[in-house]
Amino acid sequence: MTAKYKIIDDTRDVDGFKVYRIQALRDIGDVLAGELGGYVASGNSLSQDGEAWVYADSVIMGNAQVTHN
């Protein structure tokens, strides 16, 4: 499996929790490699499989997970 995104050194504080911006490593549906995404609490927040993506200023935090397509 090839990673589809990486967590970059761009953080935001949301309700007292630190979240991290993601960047696409390869094309994912309508997202192009290199494009910045939204914010995740950790690498467990967004699956490396499938076509799921977190866009723009969206935030995935707590125990929430985005998976599949």
N, C-alpha and C. Protein backbone atom coordinates (compact mmCIF):
# COMPACT_ATOMS: atom_id res chain seq x y z
N MET A 1 0.85 -1.19 0.00
CA MET A 1 0.00 0.00 0.00
C MET A 1 0.89 1.25 0.00
N THR A 2 0.59 2.16 -0.88
CA THR A 2 1.30 3.42 -0.95
C THR A 2 0.52 4.46 -0.14
N ALA A 3 1.22 5.17 0.73
CA ALA A 3 0.57 6.21 1.55
C ALA A 3 -0.07 7.25 0.63
N LYS A 4 -1.25 7.72 1.01
CA LYS A 4 -1.91 8.74 0.19
C LYS A 4 -1.72 10.14 0.74
N TYR A 5 -1.35 10.24 2.01
CA TYR A 5 -1.14 11.57 2.59
C TYR A 5 -0.06 11.51 3.67
N LYS A 6 0.42 12.69 4.02
CA LYS A 6 1.32 12.82 5.17
C LYS A 6 0.80 13.94 6.04
N ILE A 7 1.17 13.88 7.31
CA ILE A 7 0.85 14.95 8.26
C ILE A 7 2.01 15.93 8.20
N ILE A 8 1.67 17.21 8.02
CA ILE A 8 2.73 18.22 7.90
C ILE A 8 2.78 19.09 9.16
N ASP A 9 3.80 19.92 9.22
CA ASP A 9 4.05 20.76 10.40
C ASP A 9 3.22 22.05 10.32
N ASP A 10 1.91 21.88 10.27
CA ASP A 10 0.96 22.99 10.26
C ASP A 10 -0.15 22.56 11.22
N THR A 11 -0.22 23.19 12.35
CA THR A 11 -1.17 22.76 13.38
C THR A 11 -2.18 23.86 13.68
N ARG A 12 -3.24 23.45 14.33
CA ARG A 12 -4.30 24.37 14.75
C ARG A 12 -4.82 23.85 16.08
N ASP A 13 -5.23 24.76 16.94
CA ASP A 13 -5.85 24.39 18.20
C ASP A 13 -7.37 24.50 18.04
N VAL A 14 -8.06 23.40 18.27
CA VAL A 14 -9.52 23.38 18.15
C VAL A 14 -10.10 22.86 19.47
N ASP A 15 -10.78 23.73 20.17
CA ASP A 15 -11.40 23.36 21.45
C ASP A 15 -10.40 22.71 22.41
N GLY A 16 -9.18 23.23 22.42
CA GLY A 16 -8.16 22.72 23.33
C GLY A 16 -7.40 21.50 22.82
N PHE A 17 -7.69 21.05 21.60
CA PHE A 17 -7.00 19.90 21.01
C PHE A 17 -6.15 20.35 19.84
N LYS A 18 -4.95 19.80 19.75
CA LYS A 18 -4.05 20.11 18.65
C LYS A 18 -4.36 19.18 17.48
N VAL A 19 -4.60 19.76 16.30
CA VAL A 19 -4.84 18.98 15.09
C VAL A 19 -3.80 19.36 14.04
N TYR A 20 -3.61 18.46 13.08
CA TYR A 20 -2.50 18.57 12.13
C TYR A 20 -3.02 18.56 10.70
N ARG A 21 -2.48 19.44 9.85
CA ARG A 21 -2.89 19.50 8.45
C ARG A 21 -2.28 18.32 7.69
N ILE A 22 -3.02 17.86 6.68
CA ILE A 22 -2.52 16.78 5.83
C ILE A 22 -2.19 17.30 4.44
N GLN A 23 -1.34 16.54 3.75
CA GLN A 23 -0.97 16.86 2.37
C GLN A 23 -0.99 15.58 1.56
N ALA A 24 -1.61 15.64 0.38
CA ALA A 24 -1.71 14.47 -0.49
C ALA A 24 -0.34 14.09 -1.05
N LEU A 25 -0.01 12.81 -1.01
CA LEU A 25 1.23 12.30 -1.58
C LEU A 25 1.03 11.76 -2.99
N ARG A 26 -0.21 11.53 -3.35
CA ARG A 26 -0.56 11.03 -4.69
C ARG A 26 -1.95 11.55 -5.03
N ASP A 27 -2.34 11.44 -6.28
CA ASP A 27 -3.68 11.85 -6.68
C ASP A 27 -4.70 10.94 -6.00
N ILE A 28 -5.76 11.55 -5.46
CA ILE A 28 -6.83 10.83 -4.77
C ILE A 28 -8.15 11.40 -5.28
N GLY A 29 -8.77 10.73 -6.22
CA GLY A 29 -9.99 11.27 -6.80
C GLY A 29 -9.73 12.63 -7.42
N ASP A 30 -10.41 13.68 -6.94
CA ASP A 30 -10.22 15.03 -7.48
C ASP A 30 -9.13 15.81 -6.77
N VAL A 31 -8.43 15.18 -5.85
CA VAL A 31 -7.32 15.81 -5.12
C VAL A 31 -6.01 15.46 -5.82
N LEU A 32 -5.19 16.46 -6.08
CA LEU A 32 -3.91 16.24 -6.75
C LEU A 32 -2.77 16.09 -5.75
N ALA A 33 -1.79 15.30 -6.12
CA ALA A 33 -0.60 15.13 -5.28
C ALA A 33 -0.03 16.50 -4.92
N GLY A 34 0.30 16.69 -3.66
CA GLY A 34 0.84 17.96 -3.18
C GLY A 34 -0.19 18.90 -2.60
N GLU A 35 -1.47 18.65 -2.90
CA GLU A 35 -2.54 19.52 -2.41
C GLU A 35 -2.72 19.38 -0.89
N LEU A 36 -2.96 20.50 -0.23
CA LEU A 36 -3.21 20.49 1.20
C LEU A 36 -4.65 20.12 1.48
N GLY A 37 -4.85 19.38 2.55
CA GLY A 37 -6.19 18.99 2.97
C GLY A 37 -6.56 19.70 4.25
N GLY A 38 -7.47 19.08 4.99
CA GLY A 38 -7.91 19.63 6.25
C GLY A 38 -7.00 19.18 7.39
N TYR A 39 -7.59 19.03 8.56
CA TYR A 39 -6.82 18.73 9.77
C TYR A 39 -7.31 17.44 10.41
N VAL A 40 -6.37 16.68 10.96
CA VAL A 40 -6.69 15.42 11.64
C VAL A 40 -6.04 15.41 13.02
N ALA A 41 -6.63 14.64 13.93
CA ALA A 41 -6.07 14.52 15.27
C ALA A 41 -4.82 13.65 15.26
N SER A 42 -4.80 12.65 14.36
CA SER A 42 -3.66 11.74 14.28
C SER A 42 -3.72 10.98 12.97
N GLY A 43 -2.73 10.14 12.72
CA GLY A 43 -2.72 9.31 11.53
C GLY A 43 -3.83 8.28 11.52
N ASN A 44 -4.47 8.04 12.67
CA ASN A 44 -5.59 7.11 12.74
C ASN A 44 -6.92 7.76 12.33
N SER A 45 -6.93 9.07 12.15
CA SER A 45 -8.16 9.78 11.83
C SER A 45 -8.61 9.58 10.39
N LEU A 46 -7.65 9.39 9.47
CA LEU A 46 -7.95 9.23 8.05
C LEU A 46 -7.21 8.02 7.53
N SER A 47 -7.95 7.09 6.97
CA SER A 47 -7.35 5.86 6.44
C SER A 47 -6.42 6.17 5.26
N GLN A 48 -5.36 5.41 5.14
CA GLN A 48 -4.47 5.51 3.99
C GLN A 48 -5.04 4.74 2.79
N ASP A 49 -6.09 3.94 3.01
CA ASP A 49 -6.74 3.18 1.94
C ASP A 49 -7.90 3.98 1.35
N GLY A 50 -8.35 3.57 0.18
CA GLY A 50 -9.53 4.15 -0.43
C GLY A 50 -9.33 5.57 -0.92
N GLU A 51 -10.43 6.23 -1.22
CA GLU A 51 -10.41 7.58 -1.79
C GLU A 51 -10.89 8.65 -0.81
N ALA A 52 -11.16 8.29 0.43
CA ALA A 52 -11.63 9.26 1.42
C ALA A 52 -10.59 10.37 1.60
N TRP A 53 -11.07 11.58 1.82
CA TRP A 53 -10.20 12.74 1.97
C TRP A 53 -10.84 13.73 2.93
N VAL A 54 -10.02 14.55 3.57
CA VAL A 54 -10.49 15.63 4.44
C VAL A 54 -10.13 16.93 3.74
N TYR A 55 -11.11 17.70 3.35
CA TYR A 55 -10.91 18.90 2.53
C TYR A 55 -10.75 20.17 3.35
N ALA A 56 -10.02 21.12 2.75
CA ALA A 56 -9.91 22.51 3.18
C ALA A 56 -9.69 22.68 4.68
N ASP A 57 -10.63 23.31 5.37
CA ASP A 57 -10.50 23.58 6.79
C ASP A 57 -11.28 22.60 7.65
N SER A 58 -11.70 21.47 7.07
CA SER A 58 -12.41 20.44 7.85
C SER A 58 -11.49 19.87 8.90
N VAL A 59 -12.08 19.44 10.02
CA VAL A 59 -11.30 18.90 11.14
C VAL A 59 -11.89 17.55 11.56
N ILE A 60 -11.04 16.54 11.67
CA ILE A 60 -11.43 15.22 12.18
C ILE A 60 -10.70 15.06 13.49
N MET A 61 -11.43 14.93 14.60
CA MET A 61 -10.77 14.87 15.90
C MET A 61 -11.48 13.89 16.84
N GLY A 62 -10.94 13.73 18.01
CA GLY A 62 -11.48 12.78 18.94
C GLY A 62 -11.27 11.37 18.42
N ASN A 63 -12.27 10.52 18.54
CA ASN A 63 -12.20 9.15 18.05
C ASN A 63 -12.78 9.01 16.64
N ALA A 64 -13.12 10.10 16.00
CA ALA A 64 -13.70 10.04 14.65
C ALA A 64 -12.69 9.50 13.65
N GLN A 65 -13.18 8.75 12.67
CA GLN A 65 -12.34 8.20 11.63
C GLN A 65 -13.03 8.35 10.28
N VAL A 66 -12.26 8.68 9.25
CA VAL A 66 -12.74 8.76 7.88
C VAL A 66 -12.10 7.61 7.12
N THR A 67 -12.94 6.74 6.52
CA THR A 67 -12.43 5.56 5.85
C THR A 67 -13.13 5.33 4.51
N HIS A 68 -12.66 4.38 3.76
CA HIS A 68 -13.23 3.92 2.48
C HIS A 68 -13.26 5.03 1.43
N ASN A 69 -14.39 5.20 0.79
CA ASN A 69 -14.49 6.15 -0.31
C ASN A 69 -15.49 7.24 0.01
